[in-house]
N, C-alpha and C. Protein backbone atom coordinates (compact mmCIF):
# COMPACT_ATOMS: atom_id res chain seq x y z
N UNK A 1 116.44 96.76 101.81
CA UNK A 1 115.02 96.90 102.05
C UNK A 1 114.51 95.70 102.84
N UNK A 2 113.62 96.00 103.76
CA UNK A 2 113.03 94.95 104.59
C UNK A 2 111.56 94.81 104.25
N UNK A 3 111.12 93.59 104.12
CA UNK A 3 109.71 93.32 103.84
C UNK A 3 108.85 93.84 105.00
N UNK A 4 107.74 94.47 104.64
CA UNK A 4 106.82 94.99 105.65
C UNK A 4 105.99 93.87 106.27
N UNK A 5 105.56 94.08 107.49
CA UNK A 5 104.66 93.12 108.14
C UNK A 5 103.26 93.29 107.55
N UNK A 6 102.41 92.33 107.79
CA UNK A 6 101.02 92.43 107.31
C UNK A 6 100.32 93.64 107.89
N UNK A 7 100.59 93.94 109.14
CA UNK A 7 99.97 95.10 109.78
C UNK A 7 100.43 96.40 109.10
N UNK A 8 101.71 96.50 108.81
CA UNK A 8 102.24 97.68 108.14
C UNK A 8 101.65 97.82 106.74
N UNK A 9 101.53 96.71 106.04
CA UNK A 9 100.96 96.72 104.69
C UNK A 9 99.53 97.23 104.72
N UNK A 10 98.74 96.76 105.66
CA UNK A 10 97.34 97.21 105.76
C UNK A 10 97.26 98.71 106.04
N UNK A 11 98.13 99.21 106.89
CA UNK A 11 98.16 100.65 107.17
C UNK A 11 98.52 101.43 105.92
N UNK A 12 99.56 101.00 105.22
CA UNK A 12 99.98 101.69 104.00
C UNK A 12 98.92 101.60 102.90
N UNK A 13 98.29 100.44 102.75
CA UNK A 13 97.26 100.29 101.71
C UNK A 13 96.10 101.26 101.93
N UNK A 14 95.80 101.54 103.18
CA UNK A 14 94.72 102.48 103.49
C UNK A 14 95.08 103.91 103.06
N UNK A 15 96.36 104.15 102.84
CA UNK A 15 96.82 105.49 102.48
C UNK A 15 96.98 105.70 100.98
N UNK A 16 96.89 104.64 100.19
CA UNK A 16 97.02 104.75 98.73
C UNK A 16 95.73 104.22 98.10
N UNK A 17 94.99 105.10 97.51
CA UNK A 17 93.68 104.79 96.97
C UNK A 17 93.75 103.88 95.74
N UNK A 18 92.96 102.82 95.76
CA UNK A 18 92.83 101.97 94.59
C UNK A 18 93.85 100.86 94.45
N UNK A 19 94.84 100.83 95.29
CA UNK A 19 95.85 99.77 95.23
C UNK A 19 95.33 98.54 95.97
N UNK A 20 95.49 97.38 95.37
CA UNK A 20 95.04 96.13 95.98
C UNK A 20 96.16 95.11 95.96
N UNK A 21 96.05 94.14 96.84
CA UNK A 21 97.04 93.07 96.89
C UNK A 21 96.79 92.09 95.75
N UNK A 22 97.84 91.73 95.04
CA UNK A 22 97.77 90.64 94.06
C UNK A 22 97.84 89.31 94.79
N UNK A 23 98.76 89.28 95.73
CA UNK A 23 99.05 88.09 96.51
C UNK A 23 99.82 88.57 97.74
N UNK A 24 100.49 87.69 98.42
CA UNK A 24 101.21 88.08 99.63
C UNK A 24 102.44 88.94 99.35
N UNK A 25 102.89 88.96 98.10
CA UNK A 25 104.16 89.61 97.81
C UNK A 25 104.07 90.81 96.88
N UNK A 26 102.87 91.12 96.39
CA UNK A 26 102.77 92.22 95.44
C UNK A 26 101.42 92.93 95.53
N UNK A 27 101.37 94.10 94.88
CA UNK A 27 100.13 94.87 94.84
C UNK A 27 100.01 95.49 93.46
N UNK A 28 98.79 95.91 93.12
CA UNK A 28 98.60 96.49 91.80
C UNK A 28 97.50 97.54 91.81
N UNK A 29 97.51 98.34 90.74
CA UNK A 29 96.46 99.32 90.52
C UNK A 29 96.18 99.40 89.03
N UNK A 30 94.92 99.60 88.71
CA UNK A 30 94.49 99.77 87.33
C UNK A 30 94.15 101.25 87.12
N UNK A 31 94.78 101.83 86.12
CA UNK A 31 94.54 103.22 85.75
C UNK A 31 93.81 103.23 84.40
N UNK A 32 92.79 104.05 84.28
CA UNK A 32 92.00 104.13 83.05
C UNK A 32 92.18 105.51 82.40
N UNK A 33 92.25 105.49 81.07
CA UNK A 33 92.48 106.71 80.31
C UNK A 33 91.44 106.87 79.22
N UNK A 34 91.25 108.12 78.78
CA UNK A 34 90.29 108.40 77.71
C UNK A 34 90.79 107.92 76.36
N UNK A 35 92.12 108.02 76.18
CA UNK A 35 92.72 107.63 74.90
C UNK A 35 93.96 106.77 75.14
N UNK A 36 94.25 105.93 74.19
CA UNK A 36 95.41 105.05 74.26
C UNK A 36 96.70 105.82 74.52
N UNK A 37 96.91 106.90 73.75
CA UNK A 37 98.16 107.66 73.89
C UNK A 37 98.29 108.34 75.26
N UNK A 38 97.17 108.65 75.89
CA UNK A 38 97.23 109.19 77.26
C UNK A 38 97.85 108.16 78.19
N UNK A 39 97.46 106.91 78.05
CA UNK A 39 98.03 105.83 78.86
C UNK A 39 99.52 105.64 78.59
N UNK A 40 99.89 105.72 77.33
CA UNK A 40 101.31 105.57 76.96
C UNK A 40 102.13 106.71 77.55
N UNK A 41 101.60 107.93 77.48
CA UNK A 41 102.32 109.07 78.09
C UNK A 41 102.48 108.88 79.61
N UNK A 42 101.43 108.37 80.24
CA UNK A 42 101.49 108.08 81.68
C UNK A 42 102.58 107.06 81.97
N UNK A 43 102.67 106.04 81.16
CA UNK A 43 103.71 105.01 81.37
C UNK A 43 105.10 105.64 81.27
N UNK A 44 105.27 106.59 80.38
CA UNK A 44 106.56 107.28 80.28
C UNK A 44 106.87 108.02 81.58
N UNK A 45 105.86 108.66 82.16
CA UNK A 45 106.06 109.35 83.44
C UNK A 45 106.39 108.35 84.55
N UNK A 46 105.69 107.22 84.54
CA UNK A 46 105.97 106.16 85.53
C UNK A 46 107.42 105.69 85.37
N UNK A 47 107.86 105.53 84.15
CA UNK A 47 109.24 105.09 83.91
C UNK A 47 110.25 106.10 84.46
N UNK A 48 109.96 107.39 84.30
CA UNK A 48 110.85 108.42 84.85
C UNK A 48 110.91 108.32 86.38
N UNK A 49 109.76 108.15 87.01
CA UNK A 49 109.73 108.00 88.48
C UNK A 49 110.49 106.75 88.89
N UNK A 50 110.27 105.66 88.19
CA UNK A 50 110.92 104.39 88.52
C UNK A 50 112.44 104.52 88.43
N UNK A 51 112.92 105.21 87.42
CA UNK A 51 114.36 105.42 87.29
C UNK A 51 114.89 106.27 88.44
N UNK A 52 114.15 107.33 88.78
CA UNK A 52 114.58 108.20 89.87
C UNK A 52 114.65 107.44 91.20
N UNK A 53 113.67 106.57 91.44
CA UNK A 53 113.63 105.79 92.68
C UNK A 53 114.46 104.51 92.62
N UNK A 54 114.91 104.17 91.41
CA UNK A 54 115.61 102.90 91.17
C UNK A 54 114.76 101.72 91.67
N UNK A 55 113.49 101.77 91.31
CA UNK A 55 112.54 100.72 91.70
C UNK A 55 111.52 100.60 90.58
N UNK A 56 111.55 99.48 89.87
CA UNK A 56 110.85 99.36 88.60
C UNK A 56 109.65 98.42 88.70
N UNK A 57 108.48 98.91 88.27
CA UNK A 57 107.26 98.11 88.35
C UNK A 57 107.10 97.20 87.13
N UNK A 58 106.14 96.30 87.23
CA UNK A 58 105.64 95.60 86.05
C UNK A 58 104.51 96.45 85.50
N UNK A 59 104.50 96.63 84.18
CA UNK A 59 103.51 97.50 83.56
C UNK A 59 102.84 96.73 82.41
N UNK A 60 101.52 96.79 82.39
CA UNK A 60 100.74 96.20 81.31
C UNK A 60 99.89 97.31 80.69
N UNK A 61 100.03 97.50 79.39
CA UNK A 61 99.18 98.44 78.66
C UNK A 61 98.20 97.63 77.84
N UNK A 62 96.91 97.85 78.09
CA UNK A 62 95.85 97.16 77.36
C UNK A 62 94.88 98.21 76.85
N UNK A 63 95.19 98.74 75.68
CA UNK A 63 94.44 99.81 75.04
C UNK A 63 94.40 101.04 75.93
N UNK A 64 93.31 101.34 76.62
CA UNK A 64 93.22 102.54 77.46
C UNK A 64 93.36 102.23 78.94
N UNK A 65 93.81 101.04 79.25
CA UNK A 65 93.98 100.62 80.64
C UNK A 65 95.45 100.30 80.89
N UNK A 66 96.00 100.89 81.95
CA UNK A 66 97.37 100.61 82.35
C UNK A 66 97.33 99.97 83.74
N UNK A 67 97.91 98.79 83.85
CA UNK A 67 97.97 98.10 85.13
C UNK A 67 99.43 98.10 85.60
N UNK A 68 99.62 98.58 86.82
CA UNK A 68 100.96 98.61 87.40
C UNK A 68 100.98 97.67 88.59
N UNK A 69 102.00 96.82 88.63
CA UNK A 69 102.20 95.91 89.76
C UNK A 69 103.54 96.21 90.40
N UNK A 70 103.55 96.16 91.73
CA UNK A 70 104.76 96.46 92.49
C UNK A 70 105.10 95.35 93.47
N UNK A 71 106.37 95.09 93.59
CA UNK A 71 106.94 94.22 94.61
C UNK A 71 108.42 94.57 94.73
N UNK A 72 109.04 94.18 95.81
CA UNK A 72 110.48 94.36 95.95
C UNK A 72 111.10 92.96 95.95
N UNK A 73 111.68 92.61 94.82
CA UNK A 73 112.21 91.26 94.65
C UNK A 73 113.28 90.94 95.70
N UNK A 74 114.15 91.87 96.00
CA UNK A 74 115.22 91.63 96.97
C UNK A 74 114.69 91.31 98.36
N UNK A 75 113.52 91.85 98.69
CA UNK A 75 112.94 91.62 100.02
C UNK A 75 111.90 90.51 99.99
N UNK A 76 111.61 89.99 98.80
CA UNK A 76 110.61 88.93 98.61
C UNK A 76 109.23 89.36 99.11
N UNK A 77 108.90 90.64 98.88
CA UNK A 77 107.59 91.13 99.28
C UNK A 77 107.50 92.63 99.17
N UNK A 78 106.53 93.20 99.84
CA UNK A 78 106.30 94.64 99.79
C UNK A 78 107.15 95.38 100.82
N UNK A 79 107.66 96.53 100.40
CA UNK A 79 108.50 97.37 101.26
C UNK A 79 108.00 98.82 101.20
N UNK A 80 108.63 99.67 102.00
CA UNK A 80 108.32 101.10 101.96
C UNK A 80 108.46 101.66 100.55
N UNK A 81 109.44 101.17 99.82
CA UNK A 81 109.70 101.67 98.47
C UNK A 81 108.52 101.40 97.53
N UNK A 82 107.84 100.29 97.71
CA UNK A 82 106.66 100.01 96.88
C UNK A 82 105.57 101.05 97.12
N UNK A 83 105.37 101.42 98.36
CA UNK A 83 104.33 102.40 98.68
C UNK A 83 104.75 103.81 98.30
N UNK A 84 106.04 104.11 98.38
CA UNK A 84 106.54 105.39 97.88
C UNK A 84 106.32 105.48 96.38
N UNK A 85 106.61 104.39 95.68
CA UNK A 85 106.39 104.35 94.24
C UNK A 85 104.91 104.53 93.92
N UNK A 86 104.06 103.82 94.62
CA UNK A 86 102.61 103.90 94.38
C UNK A 86 102.12 105.33 94.54
N UNK A 87 102.53 106.00 95.59
CA UNK A 87 102.11 107.39 95.82
C UNK A 87 102.61 108.30 94.70
N UNK A 88 103.81 108.08 94.24
CA UNK A 88 104.36 108.88 93.14
C UNK A 88 103.59 108.62 91.83
N UNK A 89 103.25 107.37 91.55
CA UNK A 89 102.50 107.05 90.33
C UNK A 89 101.11 107.68 90.39
N UNK A 90 100.49 107.64 91.57
CA UNK A 90 99.18 108.27 91.73
C UNK A 90 99.26 109.78 91.48
N UNK A 91 100.33 110.40 91.93
CA UNK A 91 100.52 111.84 91.71
C UNK A 91 100.67 112.12 90.21
N UNK A 92 101.41 111.29 89.51
CA UNK A 92 101.56 111.46 88.07
C UNK A 92 100.22 111.28 87.37
N UNK A 93 99.42 110.33 87.83
CA UNK A 93 98.10 110.10 87.24
C UNK A 93 97.20 111.31 87.46
N UNK A 94 97.25 111.90 88.63
CA UNK A 94 96.45 113.08 88.91
C UNK A 94 96.79 114.21 87.95
N UNK A 95 98.06 114.36 87.64
CA UNK A 95 98.48 115.38 86.67
C UNK A 95 97.98 115.00 85.28
N UNK A 96 98.14 113.73 84.91
CA UNK A 96 97.73 113.26 83.58
C UNK A 96 96.23 113.44 83.37
N UNK A 97 95.44 113.25 84.38
CA UNK A 97 93.99 113.38 84.27
C UNK A 97 93.57 114.81 83.94
N UNK A 98 94.36 115.77 84.34
CA UNK A 98 94.01 117.18 84.14
C UNK A 98 94.67 117.82 82.93
N UNK A 99 95.24 117.01 82.08
CA UNK A 99 95.88 117.55 80.87
C UNK A 99 94.95 117.42 79.68
């Protein structure tokens, strides 16, 4: 994996709603849920996606709020895989919201 340029990152960020830069090497999104267990179920779905992509996020569960952070350690920054993961997590969240 190759680290994306700043220009590429800005283009990709415009395509994933709600994702923000933590710093130069990572990005994050905060997902909110009605109930604690809804957030936990979402994290299980995120884990399944992460295993399928072989790209694992940092996850923080704080009651009804789940924060996901992404970076590609091997590339020392953001890569295509981070944005692929973000889009997949957003899709899982869209499903979770309608359950």
